[in-house]
């Protein structure tokens, strides 16, 4: 793979630095297009894509799962109850129709759901 990167960089440098005019540029562009579409190059491209899917995807999935777990643990640790956030007072017993109550009366359903 490092050798391939070298050749790609060399070709790009030559194309960008070439001062041979439009004809030479078109010739280089045509040849590079044929090389890119060739079987061996496309085989390597397919192998690289498959490697990214099989090796990188599980790593990314693990990272996202770990981040979600850490975030949920932080939220549970803070035990912020939405009904108490607006102005700092406990609205669960204040007759607010938008606050859900459990059948027991004074128990906060969010607090009981997040208790360990």
Protein backbone atom coordinates (compact mmCIF):
# COMPACT_ATOMS: atom_id res chain seq x y z
CA UNK A 1 0.00 0.00 0.00
CA UNK A 2 2.80 2.54 0.73
CA UNK A 3 4.24 1.87 -2.74
CA UNK A 4 0.85 2.56 -4.31
CA UNK A 5 0.57 5.83 -2.39
CA UNK A 6 3.98 6.86 -3.66
CA UNK A 7 3.01 6.26 -7.29
CA UNK A 8 -0.31 8.06 -6.90
CA UNK A 9 1.49 11.03 -5.33
CA UNK A 10 4.11 11.02 -8.05
CA UNK A 11 1.46 10.97 -10.77
CA UNK A 12 -0.52 13.75 -9.12
CA UNK A 13 2.61 15.87 -8.74
CA UNK A 14 3.54 15.35 -12.35
CA UNK A 15 0.04 16.26 -13.57
CA UNK A 16 -0.10 19.36 -11.40
CA UNK A 17 3.42 20.40 -12.29
CA UNK A 18 3.38 19.59 -15.99
CA UNK A 19 3.86 22.53 -18.30
CA UNK A 20 3.55 20.62 -21.54
CA UNK A 21 0.18 22.13 -22.40
CA UNK A 22 -3.37 20.96 -22.89
CA UNK A 23 -2.49 18.00 -25.12
CA UNK A 24 -0.10 16.51 -22.60
CA UNK A 25 -2.59 17.09 -19.80
CA UNK A 26 -5.33 15.31 -21.75
CA UNK A 27 -2.94 12.45 -22.51
CA UNK A 28 -2.02 12.08 -18.84
CA UNK A 29 -5.66 12.28 -17.84
CA UNK A 30 -6.62 9.54 -20.32
CA UNK A 31 -3.81 7.22 -19.24
CA UNK A 32 -4.52 7.78 -15.54
CA UNK A 33 -8.21 7.04 -16.15
CA UNK A 34 -7.30 3.78 -17.87
CA UNK A 35 -4.99 2.85 -15.01
CA UNK A 36 -7.68 3.65 -12.44
CA UNK A 37 -10.22 1.49 -14.31
CA UNK A 38 -7.79 -1.41 -14.74
CA UNK A 39 -8.49 -4.74 -13.08
CA UNK A 40 -5.58 -4.82 -10.60
CA UNK A 41 -6.25 -1.28 -9.35
CA UNK A 42 -9.96 -1.90 -8.93
CA UNK A 43 -9.18 -5.19 -7.16
CA UNK A 44 -7.06 -3.25 -4.64
CA UNK A 45 -9.79 -0.60 -4.27
CA UNK A 46 -12.35 -3.32 -3.56
CA UNK A 47 -10.01 -4.97 -1.05
CA UNK A 48 -9.44 -1.64 0.70
CA UNK A 49 -13.18 -0.94 0.91
CA UNK A 50 -13.86 -4.42 2.27
CA UNK A 51 -11.06 -4.04 4.81
CA UNK A 52 -12.53 -0.75 5.96
CA UNK A 53 -15.94 -2.37 6.37
CA UNK A 54 -14.72 -5.42 8.25
CA UNK A 55 -12.00 -3.83 10.38
CA UNK A 56 -13.04 -0.21 10.90
CA UNK A 57 -16.78 -0.68 11.33
CA UNK A 58 -16.56 -2.80 14.52
CA UNK A 59 -14.06 -0.34 16.02
CA UNK A 60 -16.36 2.59 15.29
CA UNK A 61 -19.38 0.68 16.61
CA UNK A 62 -17.52 -0.11 19.84
CA UNK A 63 -16.49 3.53 20.20
CA UNK A 64 -20.05 4.75 19.73
CA UNK A 65 -21.41 2.14 22.16
CA UNK A 66 -18.83 3.11 24.79
CA UNK A 67 -19.63 6.80 24.37
CA UNK A 68 -23.37 6.13 24.69
CA UNK A 69 -22.81 4.03 27.80
CA UNK A 70 -20.63 6.72 29.40
CA UNK A 71 -23.21 9.38 28.61
CA UNK A 72 -26.05 7.34 30.05
CA UNK A 73 -24.02 6.68 33.20
CA UNK A 74 -23.35 10.41 33.60
CA UNK A 75 -27.05 11.18 33.19
CA UNK A 76 -28.03 8.53 35.70
CA UNK A 77 -25.39 9.80 38.13
CA UNK A 78 -26.73 13.33 37.96
CA UNK A 79 -30.31 12.06 38.40
CA UNK A 80 -31.74 15.22 36.96
CA UNK A 81 -35.49 14.98 37.10
CA UNK A 82 -37.13 16.96 34.28
CA UNK A 83 -39.97 18.14 36.52
CA UNK A 84 -37.47 19.86 38.83
CA UNK A 85 -35.34 21.53 36.18
CA UNK A 86 -37.36 24.57 35.15
CA UNK A 87 -37.06 26.71 38.28
CA UNK A 88 -35.45 24.48 40.88
CA UNK A 89 -38.57 23.71 42.89
CA UNK A 90 -40.31 20.37 43.02
CA UNK A 91 -43.33 20.53 40.75
CA UNK A 92 -44.32 16.90 41.22
CA UNK A 93 -46.65 17.84 44.05
CA UNK A 94 -47.63 21.29 42.82
CA UNK A 95 -50.63 20.23 40.73
CA UNK A 96 -48.90 20.64 37.38
CA UNK A 97 -50.98 18.74 34.77
CA UNK A 98 -47.89 18.15 32.57
CA UNK A 99 -46.01 16.17 35.21
CA UNK A 100 -46.71 12.45 35.23
CA UNK A 101 -47.41 10.89 38.59
CA UNK A 102 -47.19 7.30 39.65
CA UNK A 103 -50.13 5.50 41.22
CA UNK A 104 -48.46 5.93 44.62
CA UNK A 105 -48.96 9.70 44.57
CA UNK A 106 -45.81 11.57 45.61
CA UNK A 107 -43.24 9.28 43.93
CA UNK A 108 -41.55 10.75 40.88
CA UNK A 109 -41.72 8.25 37.97
CA UNK A 110 -38.51 9.52 36.34
CA UNK A 111 -36.58 9.34 39.60
CA UNK A 112 -37.76 5.82 40.35
CA UNK A 113 -36.94 4.68 36.83
CA UNK A 114 -33.36 5.95 37.03
CA UNK A 115 -32.59 4.70 40.54
CA UNK A 116 -30.04 1.93 40.71
